[in-house]
């Protein structure tokens, strides 16, 4: 079973900084961590490998410092990590990101299963995983809370929907996005940490994968941030005191003065 887990490095703090020229997050030099939802994807991939055999490859796109999340994945029994890092990838929206990851997966070669966290905490779009599946033209099952069965050619999974749980069967290869209910991520062992420290993490840029330059980074992103600003501070509220009838009358008059009640 050849499994690819797509993971992302996200800011560890809510005090994020924005590049004033591109209106995108500044990632370099910012304290970062593995996207929490990706930890469950990593664990699920490792558990499947331990049951069925095979290989788990972690794939991430980001600045050079994103190599650390790949080493963290290797520390919990992922076999190898590959980093996509190139200035041409910077500023990518979900479409450009999913395209770049899909092209890297094509270079990796044969795979049976792609696992992703349901969304990233710095964007919360939940679009990249499904986007990869579309680019690769493979089935997808999203918001999966349990994999009931998986063999070399099929998967049966429970996915969360608004009405409850939906059971879905699909052929492989397939892409699955997972939610936190699916497992409990393990802690790295000392041996795992040592292996991760010694591991060689290949870095792929535009010269290493077949890509259309016009579909990369800001240039390949149909969505962008036009303006970033802090919302105006709220004015102090007005307190109405007294008898109920007088308070209600005063409140209505205040709304009418502010043209909030016609």
Protein backbone atom coordinates (compact mmCIF):
# COMPACT_ATOMS: atom_id res chain seq x y z
CA UNK A 1 0.00 0.00 0.00
CA UNK A 2 1.63 3.25 -1.17
CA UNK A 3 0.25 6.14 0.87
CA UNK A 4 0.92 9.85 0.43
CA UNK A 5 0.07 12.25 3.26
CA UNK A 6 -0.12 15.94 2.38
CA UNK A 7 0.79 18.10 5.35
CA UNK A 8 1.29 21.80 5.96
CA UNK A 9 3.28 24.01 8.31
CA UNK A 10 1.09 26.70 9.88
CA UNK A 11 1.83 29.62 12.23
CA UNK A 12 1.94 28.56 15.86
CA UNK A 13 0.65 31.94 17.02
CA UNK A 14 -2.40 34.05 16.28
CA UNK A 15 -0.09 37.07 15.94
CA UNK A 16 0.44 36.60 12.22
CA UNK A 17 2.06 39.17 9.95
CA UNK A 18 0.94 40.12 6.46
CA UNK A 19 3.22 41.09 3.58
CA UNK A 20 1.99 44.60 2.62
CA UNK A 21 2.92 44.09 -1.04
CA UNK A 22 1.25 40.73 -1.66
CA UNK A 23 -1.29 40.68 1.22
CA UNK A 24 -0.23 37.11 1.98
CA UNK A 25 0.98 35.56 5.23
CA UNK A 26 4.64 36.00 6.10
CA UNK A 27 5.75 32.46 6.95
CA UNK A 28 9.52 32.67 7.08
CA UNK A 29 10.91 33.30 10.54
CA UNK A 30 7.52 32.75 12.23
CA UNK A 31 7.13 30.12 14.97
CA UNK A 32 5.32 27.28 13.24
CA UNK A 33 3.96 23.79 13.74
CA UNK A 34 2.32 20.96 11.82
CA UNK A 35 -1.28 21.76 10.93
CA UNK A 36 -3.21 19.94 13.71
CA UNK A 37 -5.64 18.19 11.34
CA UNK A 38 -2.68 16.78 9.41
CA UNK A 39 -1.48 14.97 12.53
CA UNK A 40 -4.54 12.69 12.31
CA UNK A 41 -3.87 12.12 8.61
CA UNK A 42 -0.28 11.12 9.39
CA UNK A 43 -1.36 8.73 12.12
CA UNK A 44 -3.99 7.10 9.91
CA UNK A 45 -1.46 6.58 7.15
CA UNK A 46 1.01 4.99 9.54
CA UNK A 47 -1.66 2.71 11.04
CA UNK A 48 -2.72 1.51 7.59
CA UNK A 49 0.90 0.81 6.69
CA UNK A 50 1.40 -1.15 9.90
CA UNK A 51 -1.64 -3.31 9.10
CA UNK A 52 -1.17 -3.83 5.36
CA UNK A 53 2.49 -3.08 4.77
CA UNK A 54 3.78 -0.59 2.24
CA UNK A 55 5.18 2.92 2.44
CA UNK A 56 4.06 6.33 3.68
CA UNK A 57 5.43 9.48 2.05
CA UNK A 58 4.77 12.91 3.56
CA UNK A 59 4.54 15.82 1.12
CA UNK A 60 4.54 19.50 2.03
CA UNK A 61 4.78 22.84 0.21
CA UNK A 62 6.27 25.87 1.89
CA UNK A 63 9.43 27.84 2.70
CA UNK A 64 12.65 26.00 3.62
CA UNK A 65 11.70 25.96 7.32
CA UNK A 66 8.72 23.69 6.46
CA UNK A 67 11.23 20.84 6.31
CA UNK A 68 10.72 20.51 10.06
CA UNK A 69 7.13 19.25 9.77
CA UNK A 70 8.38 16.50 7.44
CA UNK A 71 11.01 15.47 9.97
CA UNK A 72 8.33 15.45 12.66
CA UNK A 73 6.30 13.09 10.45
CA UNK A 74 9.29 10.81 9.94
CA UNK A 75 9.72 10.70 13.73
CA UNK A 76 6.32 8.96 14.03
CA UNK A 77 7.10 6.26 11.45
CA UNK A 78 6.51 7.99 8.11
CA UNK A 79 9.05 6.57 5.68
CA UNK A 80 10.15 9.71 3.85
CA UNK A 81 9.35 13.37 3.38
CA UNK A 82 9.47 15.60 0.30
CA UNK A 83 9.41 19.40 0.45
CA UNK A 84 8.12 21.58 -2.38
CA UNK A 85 9.91 24.89 -1.97
CA UNK A 86 10.51 27.51 -4.63
CA UNK A 87 9.87 31.28 -4.82
CA UNK A 88 7.59 30.50 -7.77
CA UNK A 89 5.22 28.66 -5.38
CA UNK A 90 4.86 31.60 -2.98
CA UNK A 91 1.49 33.27 -2.51
CA UNK A 92 -0.49 30.36 -3.96
CA UNK A 93 -4.20 30.16 -3.24
CA UNK A 94 -5.98 26.82 -2.83
CA UNK A 95 -6.22 26.22 -6.59
CA UNK A 96 -2.52 26.86 -7.24
CA UNK A 97 -1.54 24.90 -4.14
CA UNK A 98 -3.60 21.84 -5.05
CA UNK A 99 -2.24 21.97 -8.61
CA UNK A 100 1.37 22.07 -7.43
CA UNK A 101 0.86 19.23 -4.94
CA UNK A 102 -0.91 17.14 -7.58
CA UNK A 103 1.97 17.59 -10.01
CA UNK A 104 4.43 16.52 -7.31
CA UNK A 105 2.31 13.43 -6.63
CA UNK A 106 2.46 12.59 -10.33
CA UNK A 107 6.25 12.71 -10.07
CA UNK A 108 6.25 10.46 -6.98
CA UNK A 109 4.47 7.88 -9.11
CA UNK A 110 2.14 5.02 -8.25
CA UNK A 111 0.02 5.51 -5.13
CA UNK A 112 -3.02 3.84 -3.61
CA UNK A 113 -4.22 6.42 -1.10
CA UNK A 114 -3.76 10.14 -0.46
CA UNK A 115 -4.56 11.40 3.05
CA UNK A 116 -5.05 15.04 4.07
CA UNK A 117 -6.31 16.82 7.15
CA UNK A 118 -9.79 18.22 6.51
CA UNK A 119 -8.49 21.79 6.51
CA UNK A 120 -5.60 24.02 7.58
CA UNK A 121 -5.93 26.27 10.61
CA UNK A 122 -4.44 29.28 8.81
CA UNK A 123 -6.94 29.22 5.94
CA UNK A 124 -9.88 27.04 7.02
CA UNK A 125 -11.03 26.54 3.42
CA UNK A 126 -11.00 22.70 3.29
CA UNK A 127 -10.38 23.06 -0.46
CA UNK A 128 -6.83 21.80 -1.06
CA UNK A 129 -7.50 18.09 -0.50
CA UNK A 130 -10.52 17.97 -2.83
CA UNK A 131 -8.60 20.13 -5.31
CA UNK A 132 -5.79 17.57 -5.47
CA UNK A 133 -8.32 14.83 -6.22
CA UNK A 134 -9.82 16.89 -9.05
CA UNK A 135 -6.41 17.59 -10.60
CA UNK A 136 -5.53 13.89 -10.43
CA UNK A 137 -9.01 12.81 -11.56
CA UNK A 138 -9.48 10.33 -8.70
CA UNK A 139 -12.39 9.72 -6.26
CA UNK A 140 -12.46 11.57 -2.95
CA UNK A 141 -14.12 11.02 0.43
CA UNK A 142 -14.05 14.05 2.71
CA UNK A 143 -14.55 14.60 6.47
CA UNK A 144 -13.83 10.94 7.25
CA UNK A 145 -14.13 9.91 10.91
CA UNK A 146 -13.47 6.20 10.44
CA UNK A 147 -12.08 3.88 7.80
CA UNK A 148 -14.14 0.72 8.19
CA UNK A 149 -12.27 -1.36 5.64
CA UNK A 150 -9.40 -0.91 3.22
CA UNK A 151 -7.88 -3.42 0.81
CA UNK A 152 -5.56 -3.12 -2.16
CA UNK A 153 -8.40 -1.99 -4.42
CA UNK A 154 -11.27 -0.58 -2.29
CA UNK A 155 -12.03 1.51 0.78
CA UNK A 156 -15.15 1.83 2.95
CA UNK A 157 -15.29 4.91 5.17
CA UNK A 158 -17.64 6.81 7.45
CA UNK A 159 -17.83 10.52 6.72
CA UNK A 160 -19.43 13.28 8.74
CA UNK A 161 -22.38 15.11 7.20
CA UNK A 162 -24.83 17.59 8.69
CA UNK A 163 -27.45 14.89 9.23
CA UNK A 164 -25.04 12.45 10.91
CA UNK A 165 -22.81 9.78 9.38
CA UNK A 166 -22.64 8.62 5.77
CA UNK A 167 -20.96 5.35 4.73
CA UNK A 168 -19.10 5.60 1.42
CA UNK A 169 -17.33 2.94 -0.63
CA UNK A 170 -14.77 3.82 -3.27
CA UNK A 171 -12.23 2.19 -5.50
CA UNK A 172 -8.54 2.94 -5.08
CA UNK A 173 -6.63 5.10 -5.73
CA UNK A 174 -8.62 7.59 -3.71
CA UNK A 175 -8.10 10.79 -1.71
CA UNK A 176 -9.43 11.00 1.86
CA UNK A 177 -9.58 14.00 4.17
CA UNK A 178 -9.87 13.16 7.87
CA UNK A 179 -11.32 14.75 11.01
CA UNK A 180 -9.91 14.48 14.51
CA UNK A 181 -12.29 11.70 15.56
CA UNK A 182 -10.46 9.18 13.37
CA UNK A 183 -7.61 8.32 15.77
CA UNK A 184 -5.22 9.51 18.46
CA UNK A 185 -1.85 10.66 17.06
CA UNK A 186 1.15 8.97 18.66
CA UNK A 187 4.11 10.68 20.26
CA UNK A 188 7.52 10.23 18.60
CA UNK A 189 9.90 7.73 20.17
CA UNK A 190 13.56 8.49 20.86
CA UNK A 191 14.49 6.17 17.99
CA UNK A 192 12.03 7.98 15.75
CA UNK A 193 13.53 11.35 16.63
CA UNK A 194 17.01 10.09 15.82
CA UNK A 195 15.85 8.73 12.47
CA UNK A 196 14.13 12.01 11.67
CA UNK A 197 17.27 13.99 12.51
CA UNK A 198 19.37 11.90 10.12
CA UNK A 199 16.81 11.70 7.33
CA UNK A 200 17.52 13.30 3.97
CA UNK A 201 14.56 15.44 2.89
CA UNK A 202 14.58 16.16 -0.87
CA UNK A 203 13.57 19.67 -1.91
CA UNK A 204 11.74 19.99 -5.21
CA UNK A 205 11.30 23.22 -7.14
CA UNK A 206 9.92 24.12 -10.55
CA UNK A 207 12.86 22.38 -12.21
CA UNK A 208 12.04 19.07 -10.52
CA UNK A 209 8.37 18.65 -11.45
CA UNK A 210 6.42 19.17 -14.65
CA UNK A 211 4.34 22.30 -14.14
CA UNK A 212 2.76 25.12 -16.09
CA UNK A 213 4.41 28.29 -14.65
CA UNK A 214 1.20 30.24 -15.20
CA UNK A 215 -0.60 27.97 -12.71
CA UNK A 216 1.86 28.53 -9.85
CA UNK A 217 1.99 30.96 -6.95
CA UNK A 218 0.31 34.35 -7.13
CA UNK A 219 0.29 34.25 -10.92
CA UNK A 220 -1.74 31.05 -10.92
CA UNK A 221 -4.13 32.14 -8.17
CA UNK A 222 -7.55 33.40 -9.32
CA UNK A 223 -8.32 34.53 -5.76
CA UNK A 224 -6.31 37.04 -3.80
CA UNK A 225 -6.58 39.42 -0.87
CA UNK A 226 -7.39 42.92 -2.12
CA UNK A 227 -6.97 44.69 1.20
CA UNK A 228 -6.08 43.87 4.81
CA UNK A 229 -7.27 46.13 7.62
CA UNK A 230 -8.30 46.05 11.25
CA UNK A 231 -12.04 46.47 11.83
CA UNK A 232 -13.03 49.75 13.50
CA UNK A 233 -13.33 49.58 17.25
CA UNK A 234 -16.82 49.43 18.66
CA UNK A 235 -18.19 52.55 20.29
CA UNK A 236 -19.18 52.36 23.93
CA UNK A 237 -22.69 51.07 24.44
CA UNK A 238 -25.47 53.06 25.99
CA UNK A 239 -27.10 51.83 29.16
CA UNK A 240 -30.80 52.44 29.71
CA UNK A 241 -31.96 52.55 33.31
CA UNK A 242 -35.31 53.11 34.98
CA UNK A 243 -38.79 51.71 34.73
CA UNK A 244 -39.43 49.10 32.02
CA UNK A 245 -41.77 51.29 29.97
CA UNK A 246 -39.35 54.21 29.98
CA UNK A 247 -36.38 52.00 29.14
CA UNK A 248 -38.18 50.43 26.16
CA UNK A 249 -39.29 53.84 24.88
CA UNK A 250 -35.77 55.23 25.20
CA UNK A 251 -34.31 52.21 23.45
CA UNK A 252 -36.69 52.53 20.49
CA UNK A 253 -35.99 56.25 20.18
CA UNK A 254 -32.24 55.57 20.17
CA UNK A 255 -32.64 53.00 17.39
CA UNK A 256 -34.74 55.43 15.35
CA UNK A 257 -32.15 58.17 15.77
CA UNK A 258 -29.47 55.79 14.47
CA UNK A 259 -31.78 54.79 11.59
CA UNK A 260 -31.61 51.18 12.72
CA UNK A 261 -35.38 50.90 13.14
CA UNK A 262 -37.73 52.34 10.56
